[in-house]
Amino acid sequence: MTDPIDIIALVLILIGALLCLTAAIGLLRFRDVPTRLHAATKPQVLGMMLICVAVALSLRSWPVAAFLLPVILIQLATAPLSAHMIGRQAYRNGTIDEADLVVDELRLSKETPPAAGG
């Protein structure tokens, strides 16, 4: 009979893989940059975290868990940063439909001149 921890690890890997698959499908199916960024970051990061937890549970080793913790933390730090930079560059290139934006903070910052030093 299989250990319950192995079953939990298997379920976590399955859920993580499905989340990564939905991220890939979202990148292909969504039409504009902001929605693609959501598909690229949110489910992909959660899927990767679930897979890392499943690997740590499956191997039952503290060194493996200690190795995977920085991997998760680096992913949590870099995914929003890269999404922000891609979104900013898409705005500068004009590939974002400005009619879809509710608030355009970048346009407002370009229109107002900087305050004089005083």
PDB file of N, CA and C in Angstrom:
ATOM      1  N   MET A   1       0.841  -1.186   0.000  1.00  0.00           N
ATOM      2  CA  MET A   1       0.000   0.000   0.000  1.00  0.00           C
ATOM      3  C   MET A   1       0.884   1.247   0.000  1.00  0.00           C
ATOM      4  N   THR A   2       0.405   2.272  -0.639  1.00  0.00           N
ATOM      5  CA  THR A   2       1.178   3.498  -0.790  1.00  0.00           C
ATOM      6  C   THR A   2       1.046   4.375   0.448  1.00  0.00           C
ATOM      7  N   ASP A   3       2.128   5.043   0.758  1.00  0.00           N
ATOM      8  CA  ASP A   3       2.160   5.948   1.900  1.00  0.00           C
ATOM      9  C   ASP A   3       1.271   7.168   1.608  1.00  0.00           C
ATOM     10  N   PRO A   4       0.532   7.670   2.606  1.00  0.00           N
ATOM     11  CA  PRO A   4      -0.327   8.846   2.370  1.00  0.00           C
ATOM     12  C   PRO A   4       0.452  10.085   1.931  1.00  0.00           C
ATOM     13  N   ILE A   5       1.699  10.230   2.361  1.00  0.00           N
ATOM     14  CA  ILE A   5       2.492  11.386   1.949  1.00  0.00           C
ATOM     15  C   ILE A   5       2.781  11.321   0.446  1.00  0.00           C
ATOM     16  N   ASP A   6       2.972  10.103  -0.083  1.00  0.00           N
ATOM     17  CA  ASP A   6       3.193   9.961  -1.524  1.00  0.00           C
ATOM     18  C   ASP A   6       1.938  10.334  -2.310  1.00  0.00           C
ATOM     19  N   ILE A   7       0.786   9.998  -1.776  1.00  0.00           N
ATOM     20  CA  ILE A   7      -0.471  10.361  -2.447  1.00  0.00           C
ATOM     21  C   ILE A   7      -0.651  11.876  -2.430  1.00  0.00           C
ATOM     22  N   ILE A   8      -0.347  12.515  -1.310  1.00  0.00           N
ATOM     23  CA  ILE A   8      -0.437  13.977  -1.230  1.00  0.00           C
ATOM     24  C   ILE A   8       0.535  14.617  -2.218  1.00  0.00           C
ATOM     25  N   ALA A   9       1.753  14.086  -2.301  1.00  0.00           N
ATOM     26  CA  ALA A   9       2.740  14.614  -3.239  1.00  0.00           C
ATOM     27  C   ALA A   9       2.268  14.451  -4.681  1.00  0.00           C
ATOM     28  N   LEU A  10       1.657  13.311  -4.977  1.00  0.00           N
ATOM     29  CA  LEU A  10       1.142  13.075  -6.320  1.00  0.00           C
ATOM     30  C   LEU A  10       0.035  14.066  -6.669  1.00  0.00           C
ATOM     31  N   VAL A  11      -0.866  14.317  -5.735  1.00  0.00           N
ATOM     32  CA  VAL A  11      -1.957  15.278  -5.971  1.00  0.00           C
ATOM     33  C   VAL A  11      -1.392  16.687  -6.155  1.00  0.00           C
ATOM     34  N   LEU A  12      -0.402  17.051  -5.343  1.00  0.00           N
ATOM     35  CA  LEU A  12       0.198  18.384  -5.479  1.00  0.00           C
ATOM     36  C   LEU A  12       0.899  18.545  -6.819  1.00  0.00           C
ATOM     37  N   ILE A  13       1.581  17.516  -7.284  1.00  0.00           N
ATOM     38  CA  ILE A  13       2.233  17.590  -8.594  1.00  0.00           C
ATOM     39  C   ILE A  13       1.198  17.700  -9.702  1.00  0.00           C
ATOM     40  N   LEU A  14       0.115  16.959  -9.578  1.00  0.00           N
ATOM     41  CA  LEU A  14      -0.943  17.024 -10.581  1.00  0.00           C
ATOM     42  C   LEU A  14      -1.574  18.418 -10.626  1.00  0.00           C
ATOM     43  N   ILE A  15      -1.891  18.982  -9.472  1.00  0.00           N
ATOM     44  CA  ILE A  15      -2.478  20.325  -9.425  1.00  0.00           C
ATOM     45  C   ILE A  15      -1.490  21.356  -9.949  1.00  0.00           C
ATOM     46  N   GLY A  16      -0.221  21.239  -9.548  1.00  0.00           N
ATOM     47  CA  GLY A  16       0.804  22.163 -10.030  1.00  0.00           C
ATOM     48  C   GLY A  16       0.983  22.081 -11.534  1.00  0.00           C
ATOM     49  N   ALA A  17       0.982  20.895 -12.070  1.00  0.00           N
ATOM     50  CA  ALA A  17       1.118  20.733 -13.518  1.00  0.00           C
ATOM     51  C   ALA A  17      -0.086  21.301 -14.253  1.00  0.00           C
ATOM     52  N   LEU A  18      -1.273  21.123 -13.707  1.00  0.00           N
ATOM     53  CA  LEU A  18      -2.468  21.703 -14.331  1.00  0.00           C
ATOM     54  C   LEU A  18      -2.429  23.225 -14.297  1.00  0.00           C
ATOM     55  N   LEU A  19      -1.935  23.788 -13.202  1.00  0.00           N
ATOM     56  CA  LEU A  19      -1.804  25.242 -13.137  1.00  0.00           C
ATOM     57  C   LEU A  19      -0.789  25.747 -14.159  1.00  0.00           C
ATOM     58  N   CYS A  20       0.322  25.056 -14.300  1.00  0.00           N
ATOM     59  CA  CYS A  20       1.315  25.447 -15.308  1.00  0.00           C
ATOM     60  C   CYS A  20       0.753  25.298 -16.718  1.00  0.00           C
ATOM     61  N   LEU A  21      -0.061  24.277 -16.946  1.00  0.00           N
ATOM     62  CA  LEU A  21      -0.704  24.100 -18.243  1.00  0.00           C
ATOM     63  C   LEU A  21      -1.684  25.236 -18.531  1.00  0.00           C
ATOM     64  N   THR A  22      -2.465  25.635 -17.534  1.00  0.00           N
ATOM     65  CA  THR A  22      -3.394  26.749 -17.749  1.00  0.00           C
ATOM     66  C   THR A  22      -2.638  28.052 -18.011  1.00  0.00           C
ATOM     67  N   ALA A  23      -1.475  28.218 -17.402  1.00  0.00           N
ATOM     68  CA  ALA A  23      -0.657  29.404 -17.687  1.00  0.00           C
ATOM     69  C   ALA A  23      -0.196  29.386 -19.147  1.00  0.00           C
ATOM     70  N   ALA A  24       0.224  28.243 -19.632  1.00  0.00           N
ATOM     71  CA  ALA A  24       0.670  28.141 -21.023  1.00  0.00           C
ATOM     72  C   ALA A  24      -0.486  28.371 -21.989  1.00  0.00           C
ATOM     73  N   ILE A  25      -1.646  27.816 -21.689  1.00  0.00           N
ATOM     74  CA  ILE A  25      -2.809  28.021 -22.546  1.00  0.00           C
ATOM     75  C   ILE A  25      -3.225  29.493 -22.526  1.00  0.00           C
ATOM     76  N   GLY A  26      -3.162  30.112 -21.354  1.00  0.00           N
ATOM     77  CA  GLY A  26      -3.511  31.526 -21.251  1.00  0.00           C
ATOM     78  C   GLY A  26      -2.584  32.405 -22.073  1.00  0.00           C
ATOM     79  N   LEU A  27      -1.300  32.073 -22.110  1.00  0.00           N
ATOM     80  CA  LEU A  27      -0.362  32.841 -22.931  1.00  0.00           C
ATOM     81  C   LEU A  27      -0.711  32.750 -24.412  1.00  0.00           C
ATOM     82  N   LEU A  28      -1.217  31.610 -24.814  1.00  0.00           N
ATOM     83  CA  LEU A  28      -1.565  31.442 -26.227  1.00  0.00           C
ATOM     84  C   LEU A  28      -2.931  32.024 -26.570  1.00  0.00           C
ATOM     85  N   ARG A  29      -3.871  31.977 -25.656  1.00  0.00           N
ATOM     86  CA  ARG A  29      -5.242  32.333 -25.966  1.00  0.00           C
ATOM     87  C   ARG A  29      -5.613  33.794 -25.706  1.00  0.00           C
ATOM     88  N   PHE A  30      -5.008  34.408 -24.685  1.00  0.00           N
ATOM     89  CA  PHE A  30      -5.397  35.777 -24.362  1.00  0.00           C
ATOM     90  C   PHE A  30      -4.866  36.732 -25.424  1.00  0.00           C
ATOM     91  N   ARG A  31      -5.579  37.852 -25.592  1.00  0.00           N
ATOM     92  CA  ARG A  31      -5.303  38.719 -26.729  1.00  0.00           C
ATOM     93  C   ARG A  31      -4.364  39.870 -26.440  1.00  0.00           C
ATOM     94  N   ASP A  32      -4.270  40.336 -25.205  1.00  0.00           N
ATOM     95  CA  ASP A  32      -3.457  41.514 -24.950  1.00  0.00           C
ATOM     96  C   ASP A  32      -2.438  41.249 -23.843  1.00  0.00           C
ATOM     97  N   VAL A  33      -1.513  42.186 -23.712  1.00  0.00           N
ATOM     98  CA  VAL A  33      -0.380  42.007 -22.800  1.00  0.00           C
ATOM     99  C   VAL A  33      -0.812  41.886 -21.336  1.00  0.00           C
ATOM    100  N   PRO A  34      -1.686  42.748 -20.798  1.00  0.00           N
ATOM    101  CA  PRO A  34      -2.023  42.618 -19.375  1.00  0.00           C
ATOM    102  C   PRO A  34      -2.648  41.272 -19.007  1.00  0.00           C
ATOM    103  N   THR A  35      -3.536  40.760 -19.835  1.00  0.00           N
ATOM    104  CA  THR A  35      -4.134  39.465 -19.512  1.00  0.00           C
ATOM    105  C   THR A  35      -3.123  38.340 -19.667  1.00  0.00           C
ATOM    106  N   ARG A  36      -2.229  38.457 -20.624  1.00  0.00           N
ATOM    107  CA  ARG A  36      -1.177  37.450 -20.767  1.00  0.00           C
ATOM    108  C   ARG A  36      -0.223  37.474 -19.583  1.00  0.00           C
ATOM    109  N   LEU A  37       0.023  38.652 -19.038  1.00  0.00           N
ATOM    110  CA  LEU A  37       0.894  38.740 -17.866  1.00  0.00           C
ATOM    111  C   LEU A  37       0.269  38.035 -16.669  1.00  0.00           C
ATOM    112  N   HIS A  38      -1.041  38.173 -16.502  1.00  0.00           N
ATOM    113  CA  HIS A  38      -1.707  37.450 -15.415  1.00  0.00           C
ATOM    114  C   HIS A  38      -1.574  35.947 -15.616  1.00  0.00           C
ATOM    115  N   ALA A  39      -1.748  35.504 -16.858  1.00  0.00           N
ATOM    116  CA  ALA A  39      -1.627  34.067 -17.132  1.00  0.00           C
ATOM    117  C   ALA A  39      -0.198  33.585 -16.934  1.00  0.00           C
ATOM    118  N   ALA A  40       0.768  34.443 -17.224  1.00  0.00           N
ATOM    119  CA  ALA A  40       2.160  34.019 -17.122  1.00  0.00           C
ATOM    120  C   ALA A  40       2.659  33.994 -15.685  1.00  0.00           C
ATOM    121  N   THR A  41       2.090  34.805 -14.815  1.00  0.00           N
ATOM    122  CA  THR A  41       2.654  34.902 -13.468  1.00  0.00           C
ATOM    123  C   THR A  41       1.838  34.161 -12.419  1.00  0.00           C
ATOM    124  N   LYS A  42       0.571  34.425 -12.331  1.00  0.00           N
ATOM    125  CA  LYS A  42      -0.204  33.915 -11.197  1.00  0.00           C
ATOM    126  C   LYS A  42      -0.294  32.391 -11.156  1.00  0.00           C
ATOM    127  N   PRO A  43      -0.857  31.718 -12.161  1.00  0.00           N
ATOM    128  CA  PRO A  43      -0.943  30.251 -12.038  1.00  0.00           C
ATOM    129  C   PRO A  43       0.412  29.557 -12.156  1.00  0.00           C
ATOM    130  N   GLN A  44       1.325  30.152 -12.897  1.00  0.00           N
ATOM    131  CA  GLN A  44       2.623  29.509 -13.071  1.00  0.00           C
ATOM    132  C   GLN A  44       3.405  29.494 -11.765  1.00  0.00           C
ATOM    133  N   VAL A  45       3.389  30.592 -11.025  1.00  0.00           N
ATOM    134  CA  VAL A  45       4.126  30.650  -9.763  1.00  0.00           C
ATOM    135  C   VAL A  45       3.509  29.696  -8.741  1.00  0.00           C
ATOM    136  N   LEU A  46       2.189  29.690  -8.638  1.00  0.00           N
ATOM    137  CA  LEU A  46       1.533  28.778  -7.704  1.00  0.00           C
ATOM    138  C   LEU A  46       1.771  27.324  -8.096  1.00  0.00           C
ATOM    139  N   GLY A  47       1.728  27.027  -9.385  1.00  0.00           N
ATOM    140  CA  GLY A  47       2.000  25.666  -9.843  1.00  0.00           C
ATOM    141  C   GLY A  47       3.406  25.222  -9.531  1.00  0.00           C
ATOM    142  N   MET A  48       4.371  26.111  -9.738  1.00  0.00           N
ATOM    143  CA  MET A  48       5.762  25.778  -9.422  1.00  0.00           C
ATOM    144  C   MET A  48       5.941  25.567  -7.921  1.00  0.00           C
ATOM    145  N   MET A  49       5.281  26.382  -7.108  1.00  0.00           N
ATOM    146  CA  MET A  49       5.378  26.215  -5.653  1.00  0.00           C
ATOM    147  C   MET A  49       4.804  24.872  -5.215  1.00  0.00           C
ATOM    148  N   LEU A  50       3.660  24.492  -5.773  1.00  0.00           N
ATOM    149  CA  LEU A  50       3.057  23.203  -5.415  1.00  0.00           C
ATOM    150  C   LEU A  50       3.951  22.039  -5.832  1.00  0.00           C
ATOM    151  N   ILE A  51       4.573  22.149  -6.984  1.00  0.00           N
ATOM    152  CA  ILE A  51       5.466  21.081  -7.436  1.00  0.00           C
ATOM    153  C   ILE A  51       6.689  20.992  -6.529  1.00  0.00           C
ATOM    154  N   CYS A  52       7.234  22.121  -6.106  1.00  0.00           N
ATOM    155  CA  CYS A  52       8.392  22.106  -5.196  1.00  0.00           C
ATOM    156  C   CYS A  52       8.030  21.489  -3.846  1.00  0.00           C
ATOM    157  N   VAL A  53       6.860  21.829  -3.339  1.00  0.00           N
ATOM    158  CA  VAL A  53       6.418  21.235  -2.073  1.00  0.00           C
ATOM    159  C   VAL A  53       6.230  19.735  -2.237  1.00  0.00           C
ATOM    160  N   ALA A  54       5.687  19.316  -3.361  1.00  0.00           N
ATOM    161  CA  ALA A  54       5.489  17.891  -3.610  1.00  0.00           C
ATOM    162  C   ALA A  54       6.820  17.147  -3.694  1.00  0.00           C
ATOM    163  N   VAL A  55       7.803  17.755  -4.326  1.00  0.00           N
ATOM    164  CA  VAL A  55       9.125  17.125  -4.419  1.00  0.00           C
ATOM    165  C   VAL A  55       9.733  16.989  -3.026  1.00  0.00           C
ATOM    166  N   ALA A  56       9.617  18.041  -2.222  1.00  0.00           N
ATOM    167  CA  ALA A  56      10.160  17.981  -0.860  1.00  0.00           C
ATOM    168  C   ALA A  56       9.453  16.913  -0.038  1.00  0.00           C
ATOM    169  N   LEU A  57       8.145  16.803  -0.181  1.00  0.00           N
ATOM    170  CA  LEU A  57       7.404  15.764   0.547  1.00  0.00           C
ATOM    171  C   LEU A  57       7.775  14.368   0.061  1.00  0.00           C
ATOM    172  N   SER A  58       7.916  14.221  -1.216  1.00  0.00           N
ATOM    173  CA  SER A  58       8.196  12.910  -1.789  1.00  0.00           C
ATOM    174  C   SER A  58       9.582  12.403  -1.401  1.00  0.00           C
ATOM    175  N   LEU A  59      10.564  13.293  -1.411  1.00  0.00           N
ATOM    176  CA  LEU A  59      11.927  12.865  -1.091  1.00  0.00           C
ATOM    177  C   LEU A  59      12.197  12.793   0.409  1.00  0.00           C
ATOM    178  N   ARG A  60      11.374  13.468   1.207  1.00  0.00           N
ATOM    179  CA  ARG A  60      11.481  13.433   2.674  1.00  0.00           C
ATOM    180  C   ARG A  60      12.909  13.729   3.143  1.00  0.00           C
ATOM    181  N   SER A  61      13.429  14.823   2.659  1.00  0.00           N
ATOM    182  CA  SER A  61      14.803  15.177   2.993  1.00  0.00           C
ATOM    183  C   SER A  61      14.875  16.666   3.312  1.00  0.00           C
ATOM    184  N   TRP A  62      15.458  16.984   4.467  1.00  0.00           N
ATOM    185  CA  TRP A  62      15.601  18.392   4.844  1.00  0.00           C
ATOM    186  C   TRP A  62      16.542  19.142   3.914  1.00  0.00           C
ATOM    187  N   PRO A  63      17.640  18.550   3.458  1.00  0.00           N
ATOM    188  CA  PRO A  63      18.481  19.292   2.506  1.00  0.00           C
ATOM    189  C   PRO A  63      17.753  19.655   1.215  1.00  0.00           C
ATOM    190  N   VAL A  64      16.886  18.770   0.746  1.00  0.00           N
ATOM    191  CA  VAL A  64      16.105  19.075  -0.463  1.00  0.00           C
ATOM    192  C   VAL A  64      15.137  20.222  -0.185  1.00  0.00           C
ATOM    193  N   ALA A  65      14.474  20.180   0.962  1.00  0.00           N
ATOM    194  CA  ALA A  65      13.554  21.266   1.326  1.00  0.00           C
ATOM    195  C   ALA A  65      14.300  22.583   1.482  1.00  0.00           C
ATOM    196  N   ALA A  66      15.489  22.521   2.053  1.00  0.00           N
ATOM    197  CA  ALA A  66      16.295  23.732   2.211  1.00  0.00           C
ATOM    198  C   ALA A  66      16.766  24.264   0.860  1.00  0.00           C
ATOM    199  N   PHE A  67      16.983  23.380  -0.097  1.00  0.00           N
ATOM    200  CA  PHE A  67      17.373  23.813  -1.434  1.00  0.00           C
ATOM    201  C   PHE A  67      16.189  24.414  -2.190  1.00  0.00           C
ATOM    202  N   LEU A  68      14.998  23.847  -2.003  1.00  0.00           N
ATOM    203  CA  LEU A  68      13.829  24.319  -2.747  1.00  0.00           C
ATOM    204  C   LEU A  68      13.262  25.624  -2.200  1.00  0.00           C
ATOM    205  N   LEU A  69      13.506  25.925  -0.945  1.00  0.00           N
ATOM    206  CA  LEU A  69      12.998  27.172  -0.362  1.00  0.00           C
ATOM    207  C   LEU A  69      13.541  28.406  -1.084  1.00  0.00           C
ATOM    208  N   PRO A  70      14.860  28.518  -1.342  1.00  0.00           N
ATOM    209  CA  PRO A  70      15.318  29.680  -2.112  1.00  0.00           C
ATOM    210  C   PRO A  70      14.784  29.711  -3.539  1.00  0.00           C
ATOM    211  N   VAL A  71      14.558  28.534  -4.119  1.00  0.00           N
ATOM    212  CA  VAL A  71      13.984  28.490  -5.463  1.00  0.00           C
ATOM    213  C   VAL A  71      12.607  29.142  -5.459  1.00  0.00           C
ATOM    214  N   ILE A  72      11.784  28.800  -4.472  1.00  0.00           N
ATOM    215  CA  ILE A  72      10.449  29.385  -4.363  1.00  0.00           C
ATOM    216  C   ILE A  72      10.541  30.884  -4.095  1.00  0.00           C
ATOM    217  N   LEU A  73      11.425  31.284  -3.194  1.00  0.00           N
ATOM    218  CA  LEU A  73      11.550  32.710  -2.859  1.00  0.00           C
ATOM    219  C   LEU A  73      12.041  33.532  -4.044  1.00  0.00           C
ATOM    220  N   ILE A  74      12.985  32.993  -4.802  1.00  0.00           N
ATOM    221  CA  ILE A  74      13.471  33.707  -5.981  1.00  0.00           C
ATOM    222  C   ILE A  74      12.370  33.823  -7.021  1.00  0.00           C
ATOM    223  N   GLN A  75      11.594  32.777  -7.196  1.00  0.00           N
ATOM    224  CA  GLN A  75      10.472  32.827  -8.146  1.00  0.00           C
ATOM    225  C   GLN A  75       9.436  33.852  -7.701  1.00  0.00           C
ATOM    226  N   LEU A  76       9.158  33.900  -6.406  1.00  0.00           N
ATOM    227  CA  LEU A  76       8.197  34.883  -5.896  1.00  0.00           C
ATOM    228  C   LEU A  76       8.711  36.314  -6.073  1.00  0.00           C
ATOM    229  N   ALA A  77      10.009  36.485  -6.045  1.00  0.00           N
ATOM    230  CA  ALA A  77      10.578  37.827  -6.192  1.00  0.00           C
ATOM    231  C   ALA A  77      10.695  38.248  -7.655  1.00  0.00           C
ATOM    232  N   THR A  78      11.033  37.315  -8.543  1.00  0.00           N
ATOM    233  CA  THR A  78      11.305  37.695  -9.924  1.00  0.00           C
ATOM    234  C   THR A  78      10.081  37.708 -10.827  1.00  0.00           C
ATOM    235  N   ALA A  79       9.071  36.908 -10.552  1.00  0.00           N
ATOM    236  CA  ALA A  79       7.896  36.867 -11.428  1.00  0.00           C
ATOM    237  C   ALA A  79       7.158  38.213 -11.466  1.00  0.00           C
ATOM    238  N   PRO A  80       6.856  38.848 -10.325  1.00  0.00           N
ATOM    239  CA  PRO A  80       6.191  40.155 -10.418  1.00  0.00           C
ATOM    240  C   PRO A  80       7.085  41.222 -11.041  1.00  0.00           C
ATOM    241  N   LEU A  81       8.373  41.154 -10.783  1.00  0.00           N
ATOM    242  CA  LEU A  81       9.298  42.134 -11.343  1.00  0.00           C
ATOM    243  C   LEU A  81       9.362  42.024 -12.858  1.00  0.00           C
ATOM    244  N   SER A  82       9.485  40.817 -13.361  1.00  0.00           N
ATOM    245  CA  SER A  82       9.543  40.644 -14.812  1.00  0.00           C
ATOM    246  C   SER A  82       8.213  41.009 -15.459  1.00  0.00           C
ATOM    247  N   ALA A  83       7.097  40.682 -14.821  1.00  0.00           N
ATOM    248  CA  ALA A  83       5.796  41.060 -15.370  1.00  0.00           C
ATOM    249  C   ALA A  83       5.648  42.576 -15.415  1.00  0.00           C
ATOM    250  N   HIS A  84       6.113  43.257 -14.383  1.00  0.00           N
ATOM    251  CA  HIS A  84       6.046  44.716 -14.367  1.00  0.00           C
ATOM    252  C   HIS A  84       6.883  45.313 -15.498  1.00  0.00           C
ATOM    253  N   MET A  85       8.077  44.777 -15.692  1.00  0.00           N
ATOM    254  CA  MET A  85       8.945  45.316 -16.742  1.00  0.00           C
ATOM    255  C   MET A  85       8.379  45.042 -18.134  1.00  0.00           C
ATOM    256  N   ILE A  86       7.787  43.881 -18.338  1.00  0.00           N
ATOM    257  CA  ILE A  86       7.178  43.569 -19.633  1.00  0.00           C
ATOM    258  C   ILE A  86       5.977  44.476 -19.873  1.00  0.00           C
ATOM    259  N   GLY A  87       5.155  44.684 -18.856  1.00  0.00           N
ATOM    260  CA  GLY A  87       4.002  45.563 -18.995  1.00  0.00           C
ATOM    261  C   GLY A  87       4.406  46.999 -19.276  1.00  0.00           C
ATOM    262  N   ARG A  88       5.435  47.453 -18.612  1.00  0.00           N
ATOM    263  CA  ARG A  88       5.915  48.826 -18.830  1.00  0.00           C
ATOM    264  C   ARG A  88       6.451  48.992 -20.252  1.00  0.00           C
ATOM    265  N   GLN A  89       7.198  47.997 -20.731  1.00  0.00           N
ATOM    266  CA  GLN A  89       7.726  48.078 -22.090  1.00  0.00           C
ATOM    267  C   GLN A  89       6.603  47.991 -23.120  1.00  0.00           C
ATOM    268  N   ALA A  90       5.594  47.180 -22.859  1.00  0.00           N
ATOM    269  CA  ALA A  90       4.458  47.103 -23.775  1.00  0.00           C
ATOM    270  C   ALA A  90       3.722  48.439 -23.829  1.00  0.00           C
ATOM    271  N   TYR A  91       3.640  49.125 -22.704  1.00  0.00           N
ATOM    272  CA  TYR A  91       3.013  50.447 -22.686  1.00  0.00           C
ATOM    273  C   TYR A  91       3.836  51.428 -23.515  1.00  0.00           C
ATOM    274  N   ARG A  92       5.146  51.393 -23.347  1.00  0.00           N
ATOM    275  CA  ARG A  92       6.012  52.308 -24.096  1.00  0.00           C
ATOM    276  C   ARG A  92       5.975  52.030 -25.587  1.00  0.00           C
ATOM    277  N   ASN A  93       5.859  50.763 -25.968  1.00  0.00           N
ATOM    278  CA  ASN A  93       5.788  50.400 -27.382  1.00  0.00           C
ATOM    279  C   ASN A  93       4.438  50.728 -28.004  1.00  0.00           C
ATOM    280  N   GLY A  94       3.431  50.949 -27.168  1.00  0.00           N
ATOM    281  CA  GLY A  94       2.092  51.226 -27.682  1.00  0.00           C
ATOM    282  C   GLY A  94       1.300  49.977 -28.005  1.00  0.00           C
ATOM    283  N   THR A  95       1.707  48.827 -27.484  1.00  0.00           N
ATOM    284  CA  THR A  95       0.978  47.594 -27.775  1.00  0.00           C
ATOM    285  C   THR A  95      -0.160  47.340 -26.790  1.00  0.00           C
ATOM    286  N   ILE A  96      -0.313  48.198 -25.787  1.00  0.00           N
ATOM    287  CA  ILE A  96      -1.443  48.099 -24.870  1.00  0.00           C
ATOM    288  C   ILE A  96      -2.534  49.037 -25.359  1.00  0.00           C
ATOM    289  N   ASP A  97      -3.743  48.539 -25.481  1.00  0.00           N
ATOM    290  CA  ASP A  97      -4.872  49.356 -25.901  1.00  0.00           C
ATOM    291  C   ASP A  97      -5.245  50.307 -24.768  1.00  0.00           C
ATOM    292  N   GLU A  98      -4.977  51.576 -24.961  1.00  0.00           N
ATOM    293  CA  GLU A  98      -5.193  52.551 -23.894  1.00  0.00           C
ATOM    294  C   GLU A  98      -6.671  52.734 -23.566  1.00  0.00           C
ATOM    295  N   ALA A  99      -7.570  52.354 -24.471  1.00  0.00           N
ATOM    296  CA  ALA A  99      -9.002  52.465 -24.196  1.00  0.00           C
ATOM    297  C   ALA A  99      -9.435  51.464 -23.127  1.00  0.00           C
ATOM    298  N   ASP A 100      -8.685  50.374 -22.970  1.00  0.00           N
ATOM    299  CA  ASP A 100      -9.019  49.364 -21.968  1.00  0.00           C
ATOM    300  C   ASP A 100      -8.536  49.727 -20.574  1.00  0.00           C
ATOM    301  N   LEU A 101      -7.681  50.730 -20.454  1.00  0.00           N
ATOM    302  CA  LEU A 101      -7.130  51.110 -19.156  1.00  0.00           C
ATOM    303  C   LEU A 101      -8.141  51.945 -18.384  1.00  0.00           C
ATOM    304  N   VAL A 102      -8.343  51.599 -17.136  1.00  0.00           N
ATOM    305  CA  VAL A 102      -9.247  52.378 -16.282  1.00  0.00           C
ATOM    306  C   VAL A 102      -8.544  53.643 -15.813  1.00  0.00           C
ATOM    307  N   VAL A 103      -7.337  53.481 -15.303  1.00  0.00           N
ATOM    308  CA  VAL A 103      -6.515  54.604 -14.874  1.00  0.00           C
ATOM    309  C   VAL A 103      -5.170  54.463 -15.567  1.00  0.00           C
ATOM    310  N   ASP A 104      -4.751  55.518 -16.232  1.00  0.00           N
ATOM    311  CA  ASP A 104      -3.471  55.506 -16.931  1.00  0.00           C
ATOM    312  C   ASP A 104      -2.502  56.403 -16.177  1.00  0.00           C
ATOM    313  N   GLU A 105      -1.846  55.837 -15.176  1.00  0.00           N
ATOM    314  CA  GLU A 105      -0.946  56.618 -14.339  1.00  0.00           C
ATOM    315  C   GLU A 105       0.310  57.054 -15.092  1.00  0.00           C
ATOM    316  N   LEU A 106       0.751  56.276 -16.057  1.00  0.00           N
ATOM    317  CA  LEU A 106       1.942  56.657 -16.802  1.00  0.00           C
ATOM    318  C   LEU A 106       1.667  57.854 -17.710  1.00  0.00           C
ATOM    319  N   ARG A 107       0.483  57.921 -18.300  1.00  0.00           N
ATOM    320  CA  ARG A 107       0.139  59.072 -19.138  1.00  0.00           C
ATOM    321  C   ARG A 107       0.044  60.323 -18.286  1.00  0.00           C
ATOM    322  N   LEU A 108      -0.525  60.188 -17.093  1.00  0.00           N
ATOM    323  CA  LEU A 108      -0.645  61.341 -16.203  1.00  0.00           C
ATOM    324  C   LEU A 108       0.721  61.840 -15.777  1.00  0.00           C
ATOM    325  N   SER A 109       1.666  60.933 -15.580  1.00  0.00           N
ATOM    326  CA  SER A 109       2.996  61.376 -15.158  1.00  0.00           C
ATOM    327  C   SER A 109       3.749  62.045 -16.298  1.00  0.00           C
ATOM    328  N   LYS A 110       3.427  61.713 -17.568  1.00  0.00           N
ATOM    329  CA  LYS A 110       4.072  62.360 -18.698  1.00  0.00           C
ATOM    330  C   LYS A 110       3.514  63.758 -18.926  1.00  0.00           C
ATOM    331  N   GLU A 111       2.219  63.964 -18.617  1.00  0.00           N
ATOM    332  CA  GLU A 111       1.588  65.255 -18.880  1.00  0.00           C
ATOM    333  C   GLU A 111       1.930  66.310 -17.859  1.00  0.00           C
ATOM    334  N   THR A 112       2.134  65.935 -16.621  1.00  0.00           N
ATOM    335  CA  THR A 112       2.441  66.922 -15.587  1.00  0.00           C
ATOM    336  C   THR A 112       3.943  67.158 -15.533  1.00  0.00           C
ATOM    337  N   PRO A 113       4.357  68.418 -15.672  1.00  0.00           N
ATOM    338  CA  PRO A 113       5.792  68.694 -15.628  1.00  0.00           C
ATOM    339  C   PRO A 113       6.318  68.511 -14.208  1.00  0.00           C
ATOM    340  N   PRO A 114       7.587  68.195 -14.090  1.00  0.00           N
ATOM    341  CA  PRO A 114       8.152  68.028 -12.755  1.00  0.00           C
ATOM    342  C   PRO A 114       8.141  69.349 -11.998  1.00  0.00           C
ATOM    343  N   ALA A 115       7.976  69.271 -10.696  1.00  0.00           N
ATOM    344  CA  ALA A 115       7.957  70.456  -9.848  1.00  0.00           C
ATOM    345  C   ALA A 115       9.340  71.081  -9.802  1.00  0.00           C
ATOM    346  N   ALA A 116       9.329  72.390  -9.758  1.00  0.00           N
ATOM    347  CA  ALA A 116      10.602  73.102  -9.684  1.00  0.00           C
ATOM    348  C   ALA A 116      11.241  72.891  -8.315  1.00  0.00           C
ATOM    349  N   GLY A 117      12.534  72.713  -8.302  1.00  0.00           N
ATOM    350  CA  GLY A 117      13.231  72.499  -7.039  1.00  0.00           C
ATOM    351  C   GLY A 117      13.188  73.748  -6.182  1.00  0.00           C
ATOM    352  N   GLY A 118      12.975  73.547  -4.917  1.00  0.00           N
ATOM    353  CA  GLY A 118      12.770  74.755  -4.203  1.00  0.00           C
ATOM    354  C   GLY A 118      13.314  74.823  -2.884  1.00  0.00           C
TER     355      GLY A 118
END
